[in-house]
Amino acid sequence: MLDDYGENDPYMEGFSGRDPLAVLRANVPDLCAVVKVPDAGHLVQLERTDAVDEFLTTALRNLGVGVRVAP
């Protein structure tokens, strides 16, 4: 599993307590990557599409999946 989140996401602490990443890691044993995206909030995939695209393509390449990025 992969996860990304915005550094300005007001829901991170509210939903998961003081250490939401520890909760995520404890409950998702196959978690392979977590990335904090600067200048993004709760809707990181809409606010920073460039960062999410880079995160996903890099993660897929690291897993050995061929990725073709549209121009």
N, C-alpha and C. Protein backbone atom coordinates (compact mmCIF):
# COMPACT_ATOMS: atom_id res chain seq x y z
N MET A 1 0.84 -1.18 0.00
CA MET A 1 0.00 0.00 0.00
C MET A 1 0.88 1.23 0.00
N LEU A 2 0.41 2.25 -0.68
CA LEU A 2 1.07 3.54 -0.74
C LEU A 2 0.15 4.59 -0.14
N ASP A 3 0.73 5.61 0.46
CA ASP A 3 -0.10 6.68 1.01
C ASP A 3 0.61 8.01 0.85
N ASP A 4 -0.15 9.03 0.54
CA ASP A 4 0.37 10.38 0.53
C ASP A 4 -0.62 11.26 1.28
N TYR A 5 -0.11 12.35 1.84
CA TYR A 5 -0.97 13.26 2.58
C TYR A 5 -0.40 14.66 2.50
N GLY A 6 -1.27 15.64 2.62
CA GLY A 6 -0.85 17.04 2.57
C GLY A 6 -0.34 17.51 3.92
N GLU A 7 0.74 18.27 3.90
CA GLU A 7 1.30 18.75 5.15
C GLU A 7 0.35 19.67 5.91
N ASN A 8 -0.62 20.25 5.21
CA ASN A 8 -1.58 21.16 5.85
C ASN A 8 -2.95 20.52 6.04
N ASP A 9 -3.01 19.20 6.03
CA ASP A 9 -4.28 18.49 6.17
C ASP A 9 -4.78 18.58 7.61
N PRO A 10 -5.88 19.30 7.85
CA PRO A 10 -6.38 19.46 9.22
C PRO A 10 -6.99 18.19 9.79
N TYR A 11 -7.26 17.21 8.96
CA TYR A 11 -7.91 15.99 9.41
C TYR A 11 -6.94 14.92 9.90
N MET A 12 -5.68 15.03 9.56
CA MET A 12 -4.72 13.99 9.94
C MET A 12 -4.73 13.73 11.44
N GLU A 13 -4.54 14.75 12.24
CA GLU A 13 -4.50 14.55 13.68
C GLU A 13 -5.89 14.27 14.25
N GLY A 14 -6.91 14.90 13.70
CA GLY A 14 -8.26 14.73 14.21
C GLY A 14 -8.78 13.31 14.08
N PHE A 15 -8.47 12.64 12.99
CA PHE A 15 -8.96 11.28 12.78
C PHE A 15 -8.12 10.23 13.48
N SER A 16 -6.82 10.47 13.60
CA SER A 16 -5.92 9.40 14.04
C SER A 16 -5.14 9.72 15.30
N GLY A 17 -5.45 10.79 15.98
CA GLY A 17 -4.73 11.12 17.20
C GLY A 17 -3.45 11.88 16.95
N ARG A 18 -2.58 11.87 17.92
CA ARG A 18 -1.37 12.68 17.86
C ARG A 18 -0.33 12.18 16.86
N ASP A 19 -0.34 10.89 16.57
CA ASP A 19 0.66 10.34 15.65
C ASP A 19 -0.04 9.49 14.59
N PRO A 20 -0.68 10.15 13.63
CA PRO A 20 -1.46 9.41 12.63
C PRO A 20 -0.63 8.45 11.79
N LEU A 21 0.63 8.77 11.55
CA LEU A 21 1.46 7.86 10.76
C LEU A 21 1.78 6.58 11.51
N ALA A 22 1.95 6.67 12.82
CA ALA A 22 2.16 5.46 13.62
C ALA A 22 0.93 4.57 13.58
N VAL A 23 -0.25 5.18 13.63
CA VAL A 23 -1.50 4.42 13.53
C VAL A 23 -1.58 3.73 12.17
N LEU A 24 -1.25 4.45 11.12
CA LEU A 24 -1.28 3.90 9.77
C LEU A 24 -0.32 2.72 9.65
N ARG A 25 0.92 2.91 10.11
CA ARG A 25 1.92 1.84 10.03
C ARG A 25 1.52 0.62 10.85
N ALA A 26 0.91 0.83 11.99
CA ALA A 26 0.50 -0.28 12.85
C ALA A 26 -0.65 -1.07 12.26
N ASN A 27 -1.49 -0.44 11.46
CA ASN A 27 -2.68 -1.10 10.93
C ASN A 27 -2.58 -1.53 9.48
N VAL A 28 -1.51 -1.15 8.81
CA VAL A 28 -1.34 -1.52 7.40
C VAL A 28 0.03 -2.20 7.26
N PRO A 29 0.07 -3.51 7.46
CA PRO A 29 1.35 -4.21 7.48
C PRO A 29 2.13 -4.17 6.16
N ASP A 30 1.43 -4.02 5.04
CA ASP A 30 2.13 -3.99 3.75
C ASP A 30 2.37 -2.57 3.24
N LEU A 31 2.36 -1.60 4.14
CA LEU A 31 2.63 -0.21 3.77
C LEU A 31 4.08 -0.10 3.31
N CYS A 32 4.28 0.37 2.09
CA CYS A 32 5.65 0.45 1.57
C CYS A 32 6.14 1.87 1.37
N ALA A 33 5.26 2.85 1.41
CA ALA A 33 5.71 4.23 1.24
C ALA A 33 4.66 5.20 1.76
N VAL A 34 5.14 6.24 2.43
CA VAL A 34 4.30 7.35 2.88
C VAL A 34 5.04 8.63 2.54
N VAL A 35 4.35 9.56 1.91
CA VAL A 35 4.98 10.82 1.52
C VAL A 35 4.13 11.99 1.99
N LYS A 36 4.77 12.94 2.68
CA LYS A 36 4.10 14.18 3.06
C LYS A 36 4.31 15.17 1.91
N VAL A 37 3.22 15.67 1.36
CA VAL A 37 3.28 16.57 0.21
C VAL A 37 3.21 18.01 0.70
N PRO A 38 4.26 18.80 0.42
CA PRO A 38 4.24 20.20 0.85
C PRO A 38 3.18 21.02 0.12
N ASP A 39 2.69 22.03 0.78
CA ASP A 39 1.72 22.97 0.20
C ASP A 39 0.44 22.30 -0.26
N ALA A 40 -0.01 21.29 0.47
CA ALA A 40 -1.27 20.60 0.15
C ALA A 40 -2.03 20.36 1.44
N GLY A 41 -3.34 20.26 1.29
CA GLY A 41 -4.20 19.98 2.43
C GLY A 41 -4.82 18.60 2.31
N HIS A 42 -6.09 18.47 2.63
CA HIS A 42 -6.77 17.18 2.66
C HIS A 42 -6.95 16.58 1.27
N LEU A 43 -7.12 17.38 0.26
CA LEU A 43 -7.34 16.88 -1.11
C LEU A 43 -6.06 16.96 -1.91
N VAL A 44 -5.03 16.31 -1.40
CA VAL A 44 -3.70 16.40 -2.00
C VAL A 44 -3.69 16.01 -3.47
N GLN A 45 -4.49 15.03 -3.87
CA GLN A 45 -4.50 14.59 -5.27
C GLN A 45 -5.07 15.67 -6.19
N LEU A 46 -5.85 16.60 -5.67
CA LEU A 46 -6.37 17.71 -6.47
C LEU A 46 -5.49 18.96 -6.36
N GLU A 47 -4.91 19.15 -5.20
CA GLU A 47 -4.13 20.35 -4.95
C GLU A 47 -2.71 20.28 -5.52
N ARG A 48 -2.14 19.09 -5.54
CA ARG A 48 -0.75 18.92 -6.00
C ARG A 48 -0.65 17.68 -6.89
N THR A 49 -1.35 17.73 -8.01
CA THR A 49 -1.35 16.58 -8.92
C THR A 49 0.06 16.21 -9.37
N ASP A 50 0.92 17.20 -9.55
CA ASP A 50 2.29 16.92 -9.97
C ASP A 50 3.02 16.05 -8.96
N ALA A 51 2.89 16.36 -7.68
CA ALA A 51 3.57 15.60 -6.63
C ALA A 51 2.99 14.19 -6.52
N VAL A 52 1.68 14.07 -6.63
CA VAL A 52 1.04 12.75 -6.55
C VAL A 52 1.44 11.89 -7.74
N ASP A 53 1.46 12.47 -8.93
CA ASP A 53 1.89 11.73 -10.12
C ASP A 53 3.32 11.23 -9.95
N GLU A 54 4.20 12.08 -9.47
CA GLU A 54 5.60 11.69 -9.27
C GLU A 54 5.72 10.58 -8.23
N PHE A 55 4.99 10.72 -7.15
CA PHE A 55 4.98 9.71 -6.08
C PHE A 55 4.53 8.36 -6.61
N LEU A 56 3.42 8.35 -7.34
CA LEU A 56 2.88 7.09 -7.85
C LEU A 56 3.78 6.46 -8.92
N THR A 57 4.28 7.25 -9.84
CA THR A 57 5.12 6.68 -10.89
C THR A 57 6.43 6.15 -10.31
N THR A 58 7.01 6.87 -9.36
CA THR A 58 8.24 6.39 -8.71
C THR A 58 7.98 5.10 -7.95
N ALA A 59 6.90 5.05 -7.19
CA ALA A 59 6.57 3.85 -6.41
C ALA A 59 6.33 2.66 -7.33
N LEU A 60 5.61 2.86 -8.41
CA LEU A 60 5.34 1.76 -9.35
C LEU A 60 6.63 1.28 -10.02
N ARG A 61 7.48 2.21 -10.40
CA ARG A 61 8.78 1.81 -10.98
C ARG A 61 9.60 1.02 -9.97
N ASN A 62 9.60 1.44 -8.71
CA ASN A 62 10.33 0.73 -7.67
C ASN A 62 9.79 -0.69 -7.46
N LEU A 63 8.52 -0.87 -7.75
CA LEU A 63 7.90 -2.20 -7.65
C LEU A 63 8.11 -3.03 -8.92
N GLY A 64 8.76 -2.43 -9.91
CA GLY A 64 9.03 -3.15 -11.15
C GLY A 64 7.90 -3.10 -12.16
N VAL A 65 6.98 -2.18 -11.97
CA VAL A 65 5.86 -2.03 -12.89
C VAL A 65 6.24 -1.00 -13.96
N GLY A 66 6.08 -1.36 -15.21
CA GLY A 66 6.37 -0.42 -16.29
C GLY A 66 5.34 0.71 -16.29
N VAL A 67 5.82 1.93 -16.34
CA VAL A 67 4.94 3.10 -16.32
C VAL A 67 5.23 3.97 -17.52
N ARG A 68 4.20 4.29 -18.25
CA ARG A 68 4.33 5.24 -19.36
C ARG A 68 3.56 6.49 -18.99
N VAL A 69 4.26 7.60 -18.92
CA VAL A 69 3.64 8.87 -18.52
C VAL A 69 3.25 9.63 -19.78
N ALA A 70 2.00 10.07 -19.80
CA ALA A 70 1.50 10.84 -20.95
C ALA A 70 2.21 12.20 -21.00
N PRO A 71 2.46 12.70 -22.21
CA PRO A 71 3.14 14.02 -22.34
C PRO A 71 2.26 15.16 -21.86
